[in-house]
Protein backbone atom coordinates (compact mmCIF):
# COMPACT_ATOMS: atom_id res chain seq x y z
CA UNK A 1 0.00 0.00 0.00
CA UNK A 2 2.23 2.72 -1.26
CA UNK A 3 1.37 6.28 -0.31
CA UNK A 4 -0.96 5.28 2.52
CA UNK A 5 -0.30 5.18 6.23
CA UNK A 6 2.43 2.70 5.44
CA UNK A 7 5.58 1.69 7.22
CA UNK A 8 6.66 5.11 8.30
CA UNK A 9 3.44 6.02 10.09
CA UNK A 10 2.61 9.51 11.30
CA UNK A 11 5.34 11.81 12.53
CA UNK A 12 8.26 9.72 11.29
CA UNK A 13 10.64 11.53 9.02
CA UNK A 14 14.29 12.26 9.54
CA UNK A 15 14.03 11.94 13.34
CA UNK A 16 16.26 8.97 14.21
CA UNK A 17 14.51 8.40 17.55
CA UNK A 18 11.11 8.20 15.85
CA UNK A 19 12.52 5.82 13.24
CA UNK A 20 13.96 3.58 15.97
CA UNK A 21 10.64 3.57 17.83
CA UNK A 22 8.83 2.60 14.64
CA UNK A 23 11.36 -0.15 13.90
CA UNK A 24 10.74 -1.60 17.36
CA UNK A 25 6.98 -1.48 16.74
CA UNK A 26 7.44 -3.23 13.41
CA UNK A 27 9.61 -5.88 15.06
CA UNK A 28 6.88 -6.54 17.61
CA UNK A 29 4.28 -6.82 14.85
CA UNK A 30 6.51 -9.31 13.03
CA UNK A 31 7.10 -11.33 16.20
CA UNK A 32 3.39 -11.51 16.91
CA UNK A 33 2.64 -12.66 13.37
CA UNK A 34 0.85 -9.51 12.22
CA UNK A 35 3.56 -8.80 9.63
CA UNK A 36 5.30 -11.36 7.46
CA UNK A 37 9.09 -11.32 7.21
CA UNK A 38 8.76 -9.80 3.72
CA UNK A 39 6.42 -7.04 4.94
CA UNK A 40 8.73 -6.28 7.84
CA UNK A 41 11.79 -6.11 5.59
CA UNK A 42 10.03 -3.81 3.13
CA UNK A 43 8.82 -1.50 5.90
CA UNK A 44 12.24 -1.47 7.57
CA UNK A 45 13.96 -0.58 4.31
CA UNK A 46 11.51 2.28 3.71
CA UNK A 47 12.18 3.66 7.19
CA UNK A 48 15.95 3.39 6.91
CA UNK A 49 15.88 5.11 3.52
CA UNK A 50 14.45 8.18 5.29
CA UNK A 51 17.52 8.61 7.49
PDB file of N, CA and C in Angstrom:
ATOM      1  N   UNK A   1       0.855  -1.182   0.000  1.00  0.00           N
ATOM      2  CA  UNK A   1       0.000   0.000   0.000  1.00  0.00           C
ATOM      3  C   UNK A   1       0.881   1.218   0.000  1.00  0.00           C
ATOM      4  N   UNK A   2       1.376   1.555  -1.131  1.00  0.00           N
ATOM      5  CA  UNK A   2       2.230   2.717  -1.259  1.00  0.00           C
ATOM      6  C   UNK A   2       1.420   3.988  -1.096  1.00  0.00           C
ATOM      7  N   UNK A   3       2.021   4.992  -0.435  1.00  0.00           N
ATOM      8  CA  UNK A   3       1.370   6.284  -0.312  1.00  0.00           C
ATOM      9  C   UNK A   3       0.325   6.357   0.778  1.00  0.00           C
ATOM     10  N   UNK A   4       0.018   5.247   1.437  1.00  0.00           N
ATOM     11  CA  UNK A   4      -0.964   5.277   2.515  1.00  0.00           C
ATOM     12  C   UNK A   4      -0.282   5.520   3.841  1.00  0.00           C
ATOM     13  N   UNK A   5      -0.896   5.049   4.903  1.00  0.00           N
ATOM     14  CA  UNK A   5      -0.303   5.176   6.233  1.00  0.00           C
ATOM     15  C   UNK A   5       0.673   4.033   6.441  1.00  0.00           C
ATOM     16  N   UNK A   6       1.565   3.862   5.507  1.00  0.00           N
ATOM     17  CA  UNK A   6       2.430   2.700   5.437  1.00  0.00           C
ATOM     18  C   UNK A   6       3.424   2.566   6.563  1.00  0.00           C
ATOM     19  N   UNK A   7       4.583   2.078   6.233  1.00  0.00           N
ATOM     20  CA  UNK A   7       5.580   1.691   7.218  1.00  0.00           C
ATOM     21  C   UNK A   7       6.046   2.837   8.087  1.00  0.00           C
ATOM     22  N   UNK A   8       6.103   4.027   7.528  1.00  0.00           N
ATOM     23  CA  UNK A   8       6.663   5.110   8.299  1.00  0.00           C
ATOM     24  C   UNK A   8       5.701   5.692   9.313  1.00  0.00           C
ATOM     25  N   UNK A   9       4.417   5.544   9.117  1.00  0.00           N
ATOM     26  CA  UNK A   9       3.441   6.020  10.093  1.00  0.00           C
ATOM     27  C   UNK A   9       3.490   7.527  10.249  1.00  0.00           C
ATOM     28  N   UNK A  10       2.655   8.061  11.111  1.00  0.00           N
ATOM     29  CA  UNK A  10       2.607   9.508  11.299  1.00  0.00           C
ATOM     30  C   UNK A  10       3.799   9.999  12.097  1.00  0.00           C
ATOM     31  N   UNK A  11       4.310  11.170  11.745  1.00  0.00           N
ATOM     32  CA  UNK A  11       5.344  11.811  12.526  1.00  0.00           C
ATOM     33  C   UNK A  11       6.728  11.207  12.394  1.00  0.00           C
ATOM     34  N   UNK A  12       6.931  10.304  11.471  1.00  0.00           N
ATOM     35  CA  UNK A  12       8.256   9.715  11.290  1.00  0.00           C
ATOM     36  C   UNK A  12       8.847  10.290  10.020  1.00  0.00           C
ATOM     37  N   UNK A  13       9.965  10.972  10.177  1.00  0.00           N
ATOM     38  CA  UNK A  13      10.644  11.531   9.018  1.00  0.00           C
ATOM     39  C   UNK A  13      12.122  11.290   9.175  1.00  0.00           C
ATOM     40  N   UNK A  14      12.847  12.378   9.386  1.00  0.00           N
ATOM     41  CA  UNK A  14      14.287  12.259   9.543  1.00  0.00           C
ATOM     42  C   UNK A  14      14.688  12.202  11.011  1.00  0.00           C
ATOM     43  N   UNK A  15      13.744  12.030  11.908  1.00  0.00           N
ATOM     44  CA  UNK A  15      14.026  11.944  13.342  1.00  0.00           C
ATOM     45  C   UNK A  15      14.472  10.524  13.682  1.00  0.00           C
ATOM     46  N   UNK A  16      15.759  10.335  13.953  1.00  0.00           N
ATOM     47  CA  UNK A  16      16.259   8.972  14.213  1.00  0.00           C
ATOM     48  C   UNK A  16      15.552   8.286  15.370  1.00  0.00           C
ATOM     49  N   UNK A  17      15.196   9.018  16.413  1.00  0.00           N
ATOM     50  CA  UNK A  17      14.506   8.403  17.549  1.00  0.00           C
ATOM     51  C   UNK A  17      13.141   7.875  17.136  1.00  0.00           C
ATOM     52  N   UNK A  18      12.423   8.640  16.318  1.00  0.00           N
ATOM     53  CA  UNK A  18      11.107   8.202  15.850  1.00  0.00           C
ATOM     54  C   UNK A  18      11.248   6.975  14.947  1.00  0.00           C
ATOM     55  N   UNK A  19      12.285   6.970  14.124  1.00  0.00           N
ATOM     56  CA  UNK A  19      12.525   5.824  13.245  1.00  0.00           C
ATOM     57  C   UNK A  19      12.821   4.579  14.079  1.00  0.00           C
ATOM     58  N   UNK A  20      13.645   4.725  15.111  1.00  0.00           N
ATOM     59  CA  UNK A  20      13.959   3.577  15.969  1.00  0.00           C
ATOM     60  C   UNK A  20      12.726   3.067  16.692  1.00  0.00           C
ATOM     61  N   UNK A  21      11.886   3.985  17.169  1.00  0.00           N
ATOM     62  CA  UNK A  21      10.639   3.565  17.825  1.00  0.00           C
ATOM     63  C   UNK A  21       9.773   2.784  16.859  1.00  0.00           C
ATOM     64  N   UNK A  22       9.667   3.274  15.630  1.00  0.00           N
ATOM     65  CA  UNK A  22       8.831   2.603  14.636  1.00  0.00           C
ATOM     66  C   UNK A  22       9.407   1.233  14.273  1.00  0.00           C
ATOM     67  N   UNK A  23      10.735   1.142  14.187  1.00  0.00           N
ATOM     68  CA  UNK A  23      11.358  -0.151  13.903  1.00  0.00           C
ATOM     69  C   UNK A  23      11.051  -1.156  15.004  1.00  0.00           C
ATOM     70  N   UNK A  24      11.077  -0.697  16.248  1.00  0.00           N
ATOM     71  CA  UNK A  24      10.735  -1.596  17.361  1.00  0.00           C
ATOM     72  C   UNK A  24       9.287  -2.062  17.242  1.00  0.00           C
ATOM     73  N   UNK A  25       8.395  -1.124  16.910  1.00  0.00           N
ATOM     74  CA  UNK A  25       6.978  -1.483  16.742  1.00  0.00           C
ATOM     75  C   UNK A  25       6.821  -2.518  15.630  1.00  0.00           C
ATOM     76  N   UNK A  26       7.514  -2.294  14.526  1.00  0.00           N
ATOM     77  CA  UNK A  26       7.439  -3.235  13.407  1.00  0.00           C
ATOM     78  C   UNK A  26       7.973  -4.605  13.809  1.00  0.00           C
ATOM     79  N   UNK A  27       9.055  -4.620  14.585  1.00  0.00           N
ATOM     80  CA  UNK A  27       9.607  -5.883  15.061  1.00  0.00           C
ATOM     81  C   UNK A  27       8.616  -6.641  15.930  1.00  0.00           C
ATOM     82  N   UNK A  28       7.894  -5.901  16.771  1.00  0.00           N
ATOM     83  CA  UNK A  28       6.878  -6.539  17.613  1.00  0.00           C
ATOM     84  C   UNK A  28       5.741  -7.096  16.762  1.00  0.00           C
ATOM     85  N   UNK A  29       5.345  -6.346  15.737  1.00  0.00           N
ATOM     86  CA  UNK A  29       4.285  -6.822  14.847  1.00  0.00           C
ATOM     87  C   UNK A  29       4.724  -8.079  14.106  1.00  0.00           C
ATOM     88  N   UNK A  30       5.985  -8.114  13.703  1.00  0.00           N
ATOM     89  CA  UNK A  30       6.510  -9.311  13.026  1.00  0.00           C
ATOM     90  C   UNK A  30       6.535 -10.490  13.991  1.00  0.00           C
ATOM     91  N   UNK A  31       7.014 -10.250  15.204  1.00  0.00           N
ATOM     92  CA  UNK A  31       7.104 -11.325  16.199  1.00  0.00           C
ATOM     93  C   UNK A  31       5.744 -11.904  16.545  1.00  0.00           C
ATOM     94  N   UNK A  32       4.728 -11.046  16.552  1.00  0.00           N
ATOM     95  CA  UNK A  32       3.387 -11.514  16.913  1.00  0.00           C
ATOM     96  C   UNK A  32       2.631 -12.093  15.722  1.00  0.00           C
ATOM     97  N   UNK A  33       3.252 -12.054  14.534  1.00  0.00           N
ATOM     98  CA  UNK A  33       2.635 -12.658  13.366  1.00  0.00           C
ATOM     99  C   UNK A  33       1.739 -11.737  12.562  1.00  0.00           C
ATOM    100  N   UNK A  34       1.680 -10.467  12.956  1.00  0.00           N
ATOM    101  CA  UNK A  34       0.850  -9.514  12.218  1.00  0.00           C
ATOM    102  C   UNK A  34       1.492  -9.194  10.870  1.00  0.00           C
ATOM    103  N   UNK A  35       2.823  -9.055  10.867  1.00  0.00           N
ATOM    104  CA  UNK A  35       3.556  -8.800   9.634  1.00  0.00           C
ATOM    105  C   UNK A  35       4.344 -10.045   9.245  1.00  0.00           C
ATOM    106  N   UNK A  36       4.422 -10.294   7.943  1.00  0.00           N
ATOM    107  CA  UNK A  36       5.298 -11.359   7.461  1.00  0.00           C
ATOM    108  C   UNK A  36       6.731 -10.834   7.455  1.00  0.00           C
ATOM    109  N   UNK A  37       7.682 -11.725   7.291  1.00  0.00           N
ATOM    110  CA  UNK A  37       9.088 -11.318   7.205  1.00  0.00           C
ATOM    111  C   UNK A  37       9.291 -10.367   6.029  1.00  0.00           C
ATOM    112  N   UNK A  38       8.627 -10.652   4.910  1.00  0.00           N
ATOM    113  CA  UNK A  38       8.756  -9.798   3.723  1.00  0.00           C
ATOM    114  C   UNK A  38       8.191  -8.405   3.986  1.00  0.00           C
ATOM    115  N   UNK A  39       7.025  -8.333   4.619  1.00  0.00           N
ATOM    116  CA  UNK A  39       6.421  -7.037   4.935  1.00  0.00           C
ATOM    117  C   UNK A  39       7.303  -6.247   5.896  1.00  0.00           C
ATOM    118  N   UNK A  40       7.848  -6.935   6.884  1.00  0.00           N
ATOM    119  CA  UNK A  40       8.733  -6.280   7.842  1.00  0.00           C
ATOM    120  C   UNK A  40       9.963  -5.719   7.140  1.00  0.00           C
ATOM    121  N   UNK A  41      10.581  -6.534   6.288  1.00  0.00           N
ATOM    122  CA  UNK A  41      11.792  -6.112   5.588  1.00  0.00           C
ATOM    123  C   UNK A  41      11.519  -4.902   4.704  1.00  0.00           C
ATOM    124  N   UNK A  42      10.397  -4.925   4.001  1.00  0.00           N
ATOM    125  CA  UNK A  42      10.032  -3.814   3.130  1.00  0.00           C
ATOM    126  C   UNK A  42       9.817  -2.534   3.940  1.00  0.00           C
ATOM    127  N   UNK A  43       9.102  -2.655   5.057  1.00  0.00           N
ATOM    128  CA  UNK A  43       8.819  -1.497   5.905  1.00  0.00           C
ATOM    129  C   UNK A  43      10.105  -0.969   6.535  1.00  0.00           C
ATOM    130  N   UNK A  44      10.970  -1.872   6.967  1.00  0.00           N
ATOM    131  CA  UNK A  44      12.238  -1.467   7.574  1.00  0.00           C
ATOM    132  C   UNK A  44      13.097  -0.715   6.563  1.00  0.00           C
ATOM    133  N   UNK A  45      13.165  -1.229   5.350  1.00  0.00           N
ATOM    134  CA  UNK A  45      13.959  -0.575   4.311  1.00  0.00           C
ATOM    135  C   UNK A  45      13.427   0.831   4.027  1.00  0.00           C
ATOM    136  N   UNK A  46      12.105   0.967   3.967  1.00  0.00           N
ATOM    137  CA  UNK A  46      11.506   2.279   3.711  1.00  0.00           C
ATOM    138  C   UNK A  46      11.853   3.261   4.831  1.00  0.00           C
ATOM    139  N   UNK A  47      11.829   2.794   6.061  1.00  0.00           N
ATOM    140  CA  UNK A  47      12.184   3.658   7.189  1.00  0.00           C
ATOM    141  C   UNK A  47      13.651   4.058   7.147  1.00  0.00           C
ATOM    142  N   UNK A  48      14.519   3.100   6.916  1.00  0.00           N
ATOM    143  CA  UNK A  48      15.951   3.392   6.913  1.00  0.00           C
ATOM    144  C   UNK A  48      16.336   4.303   5.754  1.00  0.00           C
ATOM    145  N   UNK A  49      15.614   4.231   4.654  1.00  0.00           N
ATOM    146  CA  UNK A  49      15.878   5.113   3.519  1.00  0.00           C
ATOM    147  C   UNK A  49      15.600   6.573   3.860  1.00  0.00           C
ATOM    148  N   UNK A  50      14.784   6.816   4.895  1.00  0.00           N
ATOM    149  CA  UNK A  50      14.449   8.183   5.291  1.00  0.00           C
ATOM    150  C   UNK A  50      15.543   8.838   6.130  1.00  0.00           C
ATOM    151  N   UNK A  51      16.460   8.047   6.647  1.00  0.00           N
ATOM    152  CA  UNK A  51      17.525   8.607   7.493  1.00  0.00           C
ATOM    153  C   UNK A  51      18.597   9.285   6.674  1.00  0.00           C
TER     154      UNK A  51
END
